[in-house]
Amino acid sequence: MEYTNIRSSSGSTLDLSKAFHDMTGMLLGQNLPRRLPRILSSRLLVATWLVFAIVFASAYRGNLTASLTLPKYPPRPETLPQLVDSVKRITMQPFGQEFKNFFSKSESPLFQKLAYLINIVPTLMDGQQQAIVKNQAHLDNRRYQHYNIAKRFTRPDGSEMLYIGRESIMPGQSAWPLPHDAPYTAVIDRHLMAVIEAGLYEKWASDLLFEVQQESRIMLRQQQQNEQHPDVQIEENTQSLSISHMQGAFMLLFLCLIFTSLVFIWELITTRLWQKGHCSVFQ
């Protein structure tokens, strides 16, 4: 094997094979070589390469671990064209007959195919249950479906058996019925707009879904425990931590802060007294 050497300006010889070996070692997470360059520019180059090796190696290992550990799910329909091309049947409750007639009269082939796939089922539970067993979907109000999925189709580990598509086929509107030309209409509109813009409506909906999921998980766990141990009644009450649970820790922190403040003040006072006494002795 032939080695190529380069003579630097300081007279020392730089072995390219050793330099390549050190660069590869740093890239693979090995320790730094014992022979570090003495020139400032060379040290800056080594530090830059070391930072690049750390960042590159961390990103590569993280992406490789994620690709090997995360499960690969098949692509799921999120839009209306994907929905009509991937499912064999779409269920709706009895009120969906009007939507089916409306879509069938459309000139769009997409809506005509949607009307062809729509079938009527008695309840929402029937439609969602069939969507789990068969290759089909169910159309209904978004929030109502979220609530029913959280209540009826949540596993003990918190995962859901169904999902809601990203695209809405027919966005629904909600409003409060008020008398025509009522003097308080503008006031109610302003307060409703403030609630919506502040995100309170979405926050209340997410809190409700979280509570329903927690109750559903507790019920499922109790059912599993009763099946495994029918003679033992185990109560489970899972709740999140609040300020009342952390009150003791905060009180202990507050007392420690008071104690450290008193010690600090005492140190200041003793230091001042010592300095005054020291100065008086010298005088």
C-alpha atoms as a PDB file:
ATOM      1  CA  MET A   1       0.000   0.000   0.000  1.00  0.00           C
ATOM      2  CA  GLU A   2       1.356   3.397  -0.949  1.00  0.00           C
ATOM      3  CA  TYR A   3       0.995   6.390   1.351  1.00  0.00           C
ATOM      4  CA  THR A   4       0.839   9.970   0.255  1.00  0.00           C
ATOM      5  CA  ASN A   5       2.498  12.530   2.496  1.00  0.00           C
ATOM      6  CA  ILE A   6       2.148  16.284   2.429  1.00  0.00           C
ATOM      7  CA  ARG A   7       4.641  18.580   4.092  1.00  0.00           C
ATOM      8  CA  SER A   8       3.003  21.444   5.935  1.00  0.00           C
ATOM      9  CA  SER A   9       4.393  24.969   6.306  1.00  0.00           C
ATOM     10  CA  SER A  10       5.724  24.175   9.802  1.00  0.00           C
ATOM     11  CA  GLY A  11       7.847  21.355   8.463  1.00  0.00           C
ATOM     12  CA  SER A  12       5.821  18.476   9.908  1.00  0.00           C
ATOM     13  CA  THR A  13       4.609  15.688   7.664  1.00  0.00           C
ATOM     14  CA  LEU A  14       0.867  15.018   7.324  1.00  0.00           C
ATOM     15  CA  ASP A  15      -0.077  11.430   6.487  1.00  0.00           C
ATOM     16  CA  LEU A  16      -3.312  11.452   4.448  1.00  0.00           C
ATOM     17  CA  SER A  17      -4.100   7.841   5.269  1.00  0.00           C
ATOM     18  CA  LYS A  18      -3.940   8.576   9.001  1.00  0.00           C
ATOM     19  CA  ALA A  19      -6.006  11.727   8.525  1.00  0.00           C
ATOM     20  CA  PHE A  20      -8.659   9.755   6.659  1.00  0.00           C
ATOM     21  CA  HIS A  21      -8.559   7.091   9.387  1.00  0.00           C
ATOM     22  CA  ASP A  22      -9.083   9.733  12.094  1.00  0.00           C
ATOM     23  CA  MET A  23     -11.931  11.391  10.172  1.00  0.00           C
ATOM     24  CA  THR A  24     -13.703   8.063   9.709  1.00  0.00           C
ATOM     25  CA  GLY A  25     -13.212   7.194  13.361  1.00  0.00           C
ATOM     26  CA  MET A  26     -14.763  10.467  14.537  1.00  0.00           C
ATOM     27  CA  LEU A  27     -17.662   9.913  12.148  1.00  0.00           C
ATOM     28  CA  LEU A  28     -18.256   6.481  13.717  1.00  0.00           C
ATOM     29  CA  GLY A  29     -18.178   7.864  17.257  1.00  0.00           C
ATOM     30  CA  GLN A  30     -14.653   6.828  18.234  1.00  0.00           C
ATOM     31  CA  ASN A  31     -12.440   8.861  20.514  1.00  0.00           C
ATOM     32  CA  LEU A  32     -10.210  11.681  19.324  1.00  0.00           C
ATOM     33  CA  PRO A  33      -6.729  10.791  18.042  1.00  0.00           C
ATOM     34  CA  ARG A  34      -3.809  11.328  20.376  1.00  0.00           C
ATOM     35  CA  ARG A  35      -1.898  13.305  17.770  1.00  0.00           C
ATOM     36  CA  LEU A  36      -3.729  16.609  17.422  1.00  0.00           C
ATOM     37  CA  PRO A  37      -2.465  19.307  15.054  1.00  0.00           C
ATOM     38  CA  ARG A  38      -0.661  22.296  16.485  1.00  0.00           C
ATOM     39  CA  ILE A  39      -1.787  24.785  13.850  1.00  0.00           C
ATOM     40  CA  LEU A  40      -4.868  26.840  14.764  1.00  0.00           C
ATOM     41  CA  SER A  41      -6.479  26.461  11.351  1.00  0.00           C
ATOM     42  CA  SER A  42      -6.061  22.678  11.518  1.00  0.00           C
ATOM     43  CA  ARG A  43      -7.613  22.573  14.970  1.00  0.00           C
ATOM     44  CA  LEU A  44     -10.574  24.603  13.730  1.00  0.00           C
ATOM     45  CA  LEU A  45     -10.946  22.133  10.872  1.00  0.00           C
ATOM     46  CA  VAL A  46     -10.900  19.187  13.291  1.00  0.00           C
ATOM     47  CA  ALA A  47     -13.474  20.861  15.564  1.00  0.00           C
ATOM     48  CA  THR A  48     -15.750  21.609  12.591  1.00  0.00           C
ATOM     49  CA  TRP A  49     -15.502  18.034  11.344  1.00  0.00           C
ATOM     50  CA  LEU A  50     -16.178  16.732  14.863  1.00  0.00           C
ATOM     51  CA  VAL A  51     -19.378  18.807  15.158  1.00  0.00           C
ATOM     52  CA  PHE A  52     -20.500  17.641  11.709  1.00  0.00           C
ATOM     53  CA  ALA A  53     -19.785  14.007  12.631  1.00  0.00           C
ATOM     54  CA  ILE A  54     -21.795  14.261  15.867  1.00  0.00           C
ATOM     55  CA  VAL A  55     -24.787  15.902  14.190  1.00  0.00           C
ATOM     56  CA  PHE A  56     -24.727  13.624  11.149  1.00  0.00           C
ATOM     57  CA  ALA A  57     -24.294  10.440  13.189  1.00  0.00           C
ATOM     58  CA  SER A  58     -27.063  11.407  15.641  1.00  0.00           C
ATOM     59  CA  ALA A  59     -29.493  12.219  12.827  1.00  0.00           C
ATOM     60  CA  TYR A  60     -28.651   9.005  10.968  1.00  0.00           C
ATOM     61  CA  ARG A  61     -29.021   6.808  14.055  1.00  0.00           C
ATOM     62  CA  GLY A  62     -32.287   8.488  15.006  1.00  0.00           C
ATOM     63  CA  ASN A  63     -33.803   8.068  11.541  1.00  0.00           C
ATOM     64  CA  LEU A  64     -32.556   4.485  11.293  1.00  0.00           C
ATOM     65  CA  THR A  65     -34.017   3.595  14.702  1.00  0.00           C
ATOM     66  CA  ALA A  66     -37.330   5.218  13.820  1.00  0.00           C
ATOM     67  CA  SER A  67     -37.553   3.410  10.475  1.00  0.00           C
ATOM     68  CA  LEU A  68     -36.814   0.054  12.115  1.00  0.00           C
ATOM     69  CA  THR A  69     -39.028   0.389  15.193  1.00  0.00           C
ATOM     70  CA  LEU A  70     -42.071   2.336  14.008  1.00  0.00           C
ATOM     71  CA  PRO A  71     -44.768   0.144  12.436  1.00  0.00           C
ATOM     72  CA  LYS A  72     -45.591   0.719   8.788  1.00  0.00           C
ATOM     73  CA  TYR A  73     -49.302   1.166   8.205  1.00  0.00           C
ATOM     74  CA  PRO A  74     -50.906   0.960   4.788  1.00  0.00           C
ATOM     75  CA  PRO A  75     -52.022   4.268   3.289  1.00  0.00           C
ATOM     76  CA  ARG A  76     -55.493   5.219   4.485  1.00  0.00           C
ATOM     77  CA  PRO A  77     -58.015   7.363   2.620  1.00  0.00           C
ATOM     78  CA  GLU A  78     -58.148  10.954   3.820  1.00  0.00           C
ATOM     79  CA  THR A  79     -59.980  12.718   0.970  1.00  0.00           C
ATOM     80  CA  LEU A  80     -63.182  12.025  -0.930  1.00  0.00           C
ATOM     81  CA  PRO A  81     -61.486  10.738  -4.138  1.00  0.00           C
ATOM     82  CA  GLN A  82     -59.357   8.366  -2.055  1.00  0.00           C
ATOM     83  CA  LEU A  83     -62.434   7.250  -0.126  1.00  0.00           C
ATOM     84  CA  VAL A  84     -64.559   6.278  -3.112  1.00  0.00           C
ATOM     85  CA  ASP A  85     -61.620   4.459  -4.723  1.00  0.00           C
ATOM     86  CA  SER A  86     -60.643   2.404  -1.660  1.00  0.00           C
ATOM     87  CA  VAL A  87     -63.893   1.329   0.061  1.00  0.00           C
ATOM     88  CA  LYS A  88     -66.607  -0.991  -1.173  1.00  0.00           C
ATOM     89  CA  ARG A  89     -69.448   0.517   0.824  1.00  0.00           C
ATOM     90  CA  ILE A  90     -70.314   3.728   2.675  1.00  0.00           C
ATOM     91  CA  THR A  91     -72.977   3.648   5.368  1.00  0.00           C
ATOM     92  CA  MET A  92     -75.178   6.444   6.693  1.00  0.00           C
ATOM     93  CA  GLN A  93     -78.080   6.743   9.083  1.00  0.00           C
ATOM     94  CA  PRO A  94     -81.667   7.063   7.722  1.00  0.00           C
ATOM     95  CA  PHE A  95     -81.296  10.803   7.182  1.00  0.00           C
ATOM     96  CA  GLY A  96     -78.566   9.951   4.652  1.00  0.00           C
ATOM     97  CA  GLN A  97     -81.205   9.032   2.067  1.00  0.00           C
ATOM     98  CA  GLU A  98     -81.591  12.739   1.271  1.00  0.00           C
ATOM     99  CA  PHE A  99     -77.846  13.090   0.785  1.00  0.00           C
ATOM    100  CA  LYS A 100     -77.808  10.042  -1.479  1.00  0.00           C
ATOM    101  CA  ASN A 101     -80.553  11.515  -3.673  1.00  0.00           C
ATOM    102  CA  PHE A 102     -78.746  14.842  -3.766  1.00  0.00           C
ATOM    103  CA  PHE A 103     -75.417  13.275  -4.779  1.00  0.00           C
ATOM    104  CA  SER A 104     -77.048  11.077  -7.411  1.00  0.00           C
ATOM    105  CA  LYS A 105     -78.426  14.170  -9.197  1.00  0.00           C
ATOM    106  CA  SER A 106     -74.996  15.782  -9.366  1.00  0.00           C
ATOM    107  CA  GLU A 107     -73.139  16.046 -12.657  1.00  0.00           C
ATOM    108  CA  SER A 108     -69.850  15.147 -11.010  1.00  0.00           C
ATOM    109  CA  PRO A 109     -68.809  11.496 -11.505  1.00  0.00           C
ATOM    110  CA  LEU A 110     -67.212  11.611  -8.077  1.00  0.00           C
ATOM    111  CA  PHE A 111     -70.477  12.442  -6.297  1.00  0.00           C
ATOM    112  CA  GLN A 112     -72.399   9.971  -8.459  1.00  0.00           C
ATOM    113  CA  LYS A 113     -70.030   7.216  -7.375  1.00  0.00           C
ATOM    114  CA  LEU A 114     -70.413   8.372  -3.780  1.00  0.00           C
ATOM    115  CA  ALA A 115     -74.196   8.095  -4.070  1.00  0.00           C
ATOM    116  CA  TYR A 116     -73.828   4.600  -5.508  1.00  0.00           C
ATOM    117  CA  LEU A 117     -71.723   3.484  -2.540  1.00  0.00           C
ATOM    118  CA  ILE A 118     -74.019   4.917   0.153  1.00  0.00           C
ATOM    119  CA  ASN A 119     -76.131   2.364   2.049  1.00  0.00           C
ATOM    120  CA  ILE A 120     -78.525   3.096   4.896  1.00  0.00           C
ATOM    121  CA  VAL A 121     -78.029   1.537   8.356  1.00  0.00           C
ATOM    122  CA  PRO A 122     -80.269   1.964  11.432  1.00  0.00           C
ATOM    123  CA  THR A 123     -77.814   3.610  13.845  1.00  0.00           C
ATOM    124  CA  LEU A 124     -74.360   5.094  14.106  1.00  0.00           C
ATOM    125  CA  MET A 125     -73.159   2.099  16.116  1.00  0.00           C
ATOM    126  CA  ASP A 126     -74.079  -0.260  13.285  1.00  0.00           C
ATOM    127  CA  GLY A 127     -72.203   1.803  10.729  1.00  0.00           C
ATOM    128  CA  GLN A 128     -69.036   2.158  12.795  1.00  0.00           C
ATOM    129  CA  GLN A 129     -69.091  -1.511  13.806  1.00  0.00           C
ATOM    130  CA  GLN A 130     -69.352  -2.555  10.170  1.00  0.00           C
ATOM    131  CA  ALA A 131     -66.494  -0.174   9.285  1.00  0.00           C
ATOM    132  CA  ILE A 132     -64.235  -2.123  11.657  1.00  0.00           C
ATOM    133  CA  VAL A 133     -65.152  -5.557  10.316  1.00  0.00           C
ATOM    134  CA  LYS A 134     -65.506  -4.784   6.620  1.00  0.00           C
ATOM    135  CA  ASN A 135     -63.764  -2.579   4.076  1.00  0.00           C
ATOM    136  CA  GLN A 136     -66.194   0.317   4.322  1.00  0.00           C
ATOM    137  CA  ALA A 137     -66.684   3.742   5.898  1.00  0.00           C
ATOM    138  CA  HIS A 138     -69.428   5.611   7.713  1.00  0.00           C
ATOM    139  CA  LEU A 139     -70.537   9.203   7.087  1.00  0.00           C
ATOM    140  CA  ASP A 140     -71.899  11.302   9.936  1.00  0.00           C
ATOM    141  CA  ASN A 141     -71.278  14.426  11.985  1.00  0.00           C
ATOM    142  CA  ARG A 142     -67.559  14.767  12.781  1.00  0.00           C
ATOM    143  CA  ARG A 143     -67.849  15.582  16.492  1.00  0.00           C
ATOM    144  CA  TYR A 144     -70.563  12.992  17.040  1.00  0.00           C
ATOM    145  CA  GLN A 145     -68.332  10.344  15.484  1.00  0.00           C
ATOM    146  CA  HIS A 146     -65.347  11.464  17.576  1.00  0.00           C
ATOM    147  CA  TYR A 147     -67.462  11.159  20.717  1.00  0.00           C
ATOM    148  CA  ASN A 148     -68.793   7.710  19.849  1.00  0.00           C
ATOM    149  CA  ILE A 149     -65.340   6.424  18.864  1.00  0.00           C
ATOM    150  CA  ALA A 150     -63.890   7.659  22.153  1.00  0.00           C
ATOM    151  CA  LYS A 151     -66.717   6.032  24.095  1.00  0.00           C
ATOM    152  CA  ARG A 152     -67.254   2.750  22.260  1.00  0.00           C
ATOM    153  CA  PHE A 153     -64.177   2.019  20.148  1.00  0.00           C
ATOM    154  CA  THR A 154     -61.207   2.859  22.393  1.00  0.00           C
ATOM    155  CA  ARG A 155     -58.766   0.114  23.391  1.00  0.00           C
ATOM    156  CA  PRO A 156     -57.415  -0.254  26.935  1.00  0.00           C
ATOM    157  CA  ASP A 157     -54.079   1.248  25.850  1.00  0.00           C
ATOM    158  CA  GLY A 158     -55.807   4.429  24.602  1.00  0.00           C
ATOM    159  CA  SER A 159     -55.603   3.736  20.856  1.00  0.00           C
ATOM    160  CA  GLU A 160     -58.748   3.992  18.741  1.00  0.00           C
ATOM    161  CA  MET A 161     -60.108   1.379  16.360  1.00  0.00           C
ATOM    162  CA  LEU A 162     -61.439   3.985  13.916  1.00  0.00           C
ATOM    163  CA  TYR A 163     -60.221   7.313  12.607  1.00  0.00           C
ATOM    164  CA  ILE A 164     -61.823  10.377  11.064  1.00  0.00           C
ATOM    165  CA  GLY A 165     -60.702  11.468   7.606  1.00  0.00           C
ATOM    166  CA  ARG A 166     -58.996  14.797   7.128  1.00  0.00           C
ATOM    167  CA  GLU A 167     -61.420  16.133   4.508  1.00  0.00           C
ATOM    168  CA  SER A 168     -65.073  16.987   5.162  1.00  0.00           C
ATOM    169  CA  ILE A 169     -67.520  16.048   2.407  1.00  0.00           C
ATOM    170  CA  MET A 170     -70.256  18.490   3.395  1.00  0.00           C
ATOM    171  CA  PRO A 171     -69.254  20.914   6.185  1.00  0.00           C
ATOM    172  CA  GLY A 172     -72.159  21.480   8.539  1.00  0.00           C
ATOM    173  CA  GLN A 173     -73.124  24.770  10.116  1.00  0.00           C
ATOM    174  CA  SER A 174     -74.462  25.323  13.630  1.00  0.00           C
ATOM    175  CA  ALA A 175     -76.279  28.375  15.005  1.00  0.00           C
ATOM    176  CA  TRP A 176     -78.577  29.583  17.760  1.00  0.00           C
ATOM    177  CA  PRO A 177     -82.155  30.414  16.765  1.00  0.00           C
ATOM    178  CA  LEU A 178     -82.959  34.009  17.740  1.00  0.00           C
ATOM    179  CA  PRO A 179     -85.939  36.238  16.993  1.00  0.00           C
ATOM    180  CA  HIS A 180     -85.626  38.369  13.899  1.00  0.00           C
ATOM    181  CA  ASP A 181     -84.242  41.888  14.561  1.00  0.00           C
ATOM    182  CA  ALA A 182     -83.797  41.163  18.257  1.00  0.00           C
ATOM    183  CA  PRO A 183     -81.832  43.942  20.043  1.00  0.00           C
ATOM    184  CA  TYR A 184     -79.513  41.460  21.774  1.00  0.00           C
ATOM    185  CA  THR A 185     -78.467  39.596  18.611  1.00  0.00           C
ATOM    186  CA  ALA A 186     -75.313  41.686  18.114  1.00  0.00           C
ATOM    187  CA  VAL A 187     -74.264  41.152  21.729  1.00  0.00           C
ATOM    188  CA  ILE A 188     -74.677  37.377  21.491  1.00  0.00           C
ATOM    189  CA  ASP A 189     -72.837  37.296  18.160  1.00  0.00           C
ATOM    190  CA  ARG A 190     -69.927  39.212  19.664  1.00  0.00           C
ATOM    191  CA  HIS A 191     -69.671  36.886  22.665  1.00  0.00           C
ATOM    192  CA  LEU A 192     -69.950  33.775  20.477  1.00  0.00           C
ATOM    193  CA  MET A 193     -67.217  35.085  18.183  1.00  0.00           C
ATOM    194  CA  ALA A 194     -64.995  35.780  21.200  1.00  0.00           C
ATOM    195  CA  VAL A 195     -65.478  32.211  22.453  1.00  0.00           C
ATOM    196  CA  ILE A 196     -64.673  30.753  19.017  1.00  0.00           C
ATOM    197  CA  GLU A 197     -61.630  32.966  18.362  1.00  0.00           C
ATOM    198  CA  ALA A 198     -60.223  32.210  21.827  1.00  0.00           C
ATOM    199  CA  GLY A 199     -60.373  28.480  21.068  1.00  0.00           C
ATOM    200  CA  LEU A 200     -62.621  27.706  24.025  1.00  0.00           C
ATOM    201  CA  TYR A 201     -65.021  25.651  21.935  1.00  0.00           C
ATOM    202  CA  GLU A 202     -62.215  23.399  20.693  1.00  0.00           C
ATOM    203  CA  LYS A 203     -60.757  23.196  24.211  1.00  0.00           C
ATOM    204  CA  TRP A 204     -64.093  22.117  25.699  1.00  0.00           C
ATOM    205  CA  ALA A 205     -64.550  19.513  22.966  1.00  0.00           C
ATOM    206  CA  SER A 206     -61.054  18.072  23.488  1.00  0.00           C
ATOM    207  CA  ASP A 207     -61.563  17.953  27.274  1.00  0.00           C
ATOM    208  CA  LEU A 208     -64.851  16.117  26.804  1.00  0.00           C
ATOM    209  CA  LEU A 209     -63.252  13.565  24.479  1.00  0.00           C
ATOM    210  CA  PHE A 210     -60.382  13.060  26.928  1.00  0.00           C
ATOM    211  CA  GLU A 211     -62.781  12.376  29.808  1.00  0.00           C
ATOM    212  CA  VAL A 212     -64.806   9.955  27.700  1.00  0.00           C
ATOM    213  CA  GLN A 213     -61.638   8.095  26.653  1.00  0.00           C
ATOM    214  CA  GLN A 214     -60.506   7.823  30.269  1.00  0.00           C
ATOM    215  CA  GLU A 215     -63.866   6.419  31.356  1.00  0.00           C
ATOM    216  CA  SER A 216     -63.892   3.968  28.457  1.00  0.00           C
ATOM    217  CA  ARG A 217     -60.359   2.739  29.257  1.00  0.00           C
ATOM    218  CA  ILE A 218     -61.235   2.256  32.930  1.00  0.00           C
ATOM    219  CA  MET A 219     -64.348   0.261  32.042  1.00  0.00           C
ATOM    220  CA  LEU A 220     -62.417  -1.952  29.626  1.00  0.00           C
ATOM    221  CA  ARG A 221     -59.697  -2.632  32.189  1.00  0.00           C
ATOM    222  CA  GLN A 222     -62.260  -3.495  34.835  1.00  0.00           C
ATOM    223  CA  GLN A 223     -63.966  -5.880  32.436  1.00  0.00           C
ATOM    224  CA  GLN A 224     -60.657  -7.594  31.680  1.00  0.00           C
ATOM    225  CA  GLN A 225     -59.838  -7.869  35.368  1.00  0.00           C
ATOM    226  CA  ASN A 226     -63.282  -9.272  36.128  1.00  0.00           C
ATOM    227  CA  GLU A 227     -62.833 -11.881  33.401  1.00  0.00           C
ATOM    228  CA  GLN A 228     -59.438 -12.898  34.785  1.00  0.00           C
ATOM    229  CA  HIS A 229     -60.429 -12.679  38.480  1.00  0.00           C
ATOM    230  CA  PRO A 230     -64.226 -12.824  38.753  1.00  0.00           C
ATOM    231  CA  ASP A 231     -64.157 -13.127  42.562  1.00  0.00           C
ATOM    232  CA  VAL A 232     -61.949 -10.073  43.136  1.00  0.00           C
ATOM    233  CA  GLN A 233     -63.368  -6.596  42.735  1.00  0.00           C
ATOM    234  CA  ILE A 234     -60.617  -4.142  41.862  1.00  0.00           C
ATOM    235  CA  GLU A 235     -61.416  -0.455  41.746  1.00  0.00           C
ATOM    236  CA  GLU A 236     -59.363   1.795  39.519  1.00  0.00           C
ATOM    237  CA  ASN A 237     -59.543   5.536  39.501  1.00  0.00           C
ATOM    238  CA  THR A 238     -57.076   7.151  37.115  1.00  0.00           C
ATOM    239  CA  GLN A 239     -56.856  10.912  37.364  1.00  0.00           C
ATOM    240  CA  SER A 240     -54.349  13.547  36.390  1.00  0.00           C
ATOM    241  CA  LEU A 241     -52.274  15.494  38.881  1.00  0.00           C
ATOM    242  CA  SER A 242     -53.588  18.908  39.923  1.00  0.00           C
ATOM    243  CA  ILE A 243     -52.381  21.722  42.168  1.00  0.00           C
ATOM    244  CA  SER A 244     -53.949  20.039  45.190  1.00  0.00           C
ATOM    245  CA  HIS A 245     -51.749  16.961  44.705  1.00  0.00           C
ATOM    246  CA  MET A 246     -48.617  19.110  44.481  1.00  0.00           C
ATOM    247  CA  GLN A 247     -49.507  21.324  47.426  1.00  0.00           C
ATOM    248  CA  GLY A 248     -47.104  19.545  49.783  1.00  0.00           C
ATOM    249  CA  ALA A 249     -44.193  19.862  47.380  1.00  0.00           C
ATOM    250  CA  PHE A 250     -44.873  23.568  46.858  1.00  0.00           C
ATOM    251  CA  MET A 251     -45.124  24.153  50.629  1.00  0.00           C
ATOM    252  CA  LEU A 252     -41.788  22.365  51.160  1.00  0.00           C
ATOM    253  CA  LEU A 253     -40.220  24.455  48.397  1.00  0.00           C
ATOM    254  CA  PHE A 254     -41.598  27.647  49.951  1.00  0.00           C
ATOM    255  CA  LEU A 255     -40.210  26.730  53.408  1.00  0.00           C
ATOM    256  CA  CYS A 256     -36.811  25.902  51.917  1.00  0.00           C
ATOM    257  CA  LEU A 257     -36.736  29.266  50.134  1.00  0.00           C
ATOM    258  CA  ILE A 258     -37.553  31.046  53.392  1.00  0.00           C
ATOM    259  CA  PHE A 259     -34.825  29.127  55.208  1.00  0.00           C
ATOM    260  CA  THR A 260     -32.206  29.853  52.550  1.00  0.00           C
ATOM    261  CA  SER A 261     -33.206  33.534  52.528  1.00  0.00           C
ATOM    262  CA  LEU A 262     -32.716  33.724  56.309  1.00  0.00           C
ATOM    263  CA  VAL A 263     -29.322  32.005  56.037  1.00  0.00           C
ATOM    264  CA  PHE A 264     -28.288  34.407  53.290  1.00  0.00           C
ATOM    265  CA  ILE A 265     -29.335  37.433  55.353  1.00  0.00           C
ATOM    266  CA  TRP A 266     -27.458  36.042  58.377  1.00  0.00           C
ATOM    267  CA  GLU A 267     -24.333  35.603  56.252  1.00  0.00           C
ATOM    268  CA  LEU A 268     -24.577  39.208  55.055  1.00  0.00           C
ATOM    269  CA  ILE A 269     -24.979  40.494  58.612  1.00  0.00           C
ATOM    270  CA  THR A 270     -22.064  38.447  59.974  1.00  0.00           C
ATOM    271  CA  THR A 271     -19.876  39.531  57.071  1.00  0.00           C
ATOM    272  CA  ARG A 272     -20.603  43.189  57.732  1.00  0.00           C
ATOM    273  CA  LEU A 273     -19.935  42.769  61.463  1.00  0.00           C
ATOM    274  CA  TRP A 274     -16.672  40.932  60.778  1.00  0.00           C
ATOM    275  CA  GLN A 275     -15.526  43.615  58.366  1.00  0.00           C
ATOM    276  CA  LYS A 276     -16.298  46.363  60.876  1.00  0.00           C
ATOM    277  CA  GLY A 277     -14.494  44.502  63.649  1.00  0.00           C
ATOM    278  CA  HIS A 278     -11.515  43.819  61.404  1.00  0.00           C
ATOM    279  CA  CYS A 279     -11.269  47.454  60.409  1.00  0.00           C
ATOM    280  CA  SER A 280     -11.476  48.625  64.039  1.00  0.00           C
ATOM    281  CA  VAL A 281      -8.618  46.299  65.019  1.00  0.00           C
ATOM    282  CA  PHE A 282      -6.371  47.753  62.331  1.00  0.00           C
ATOM    283  CA  GLN A 283      -7.291  51.260  63.361  1.00  0.00           C
END
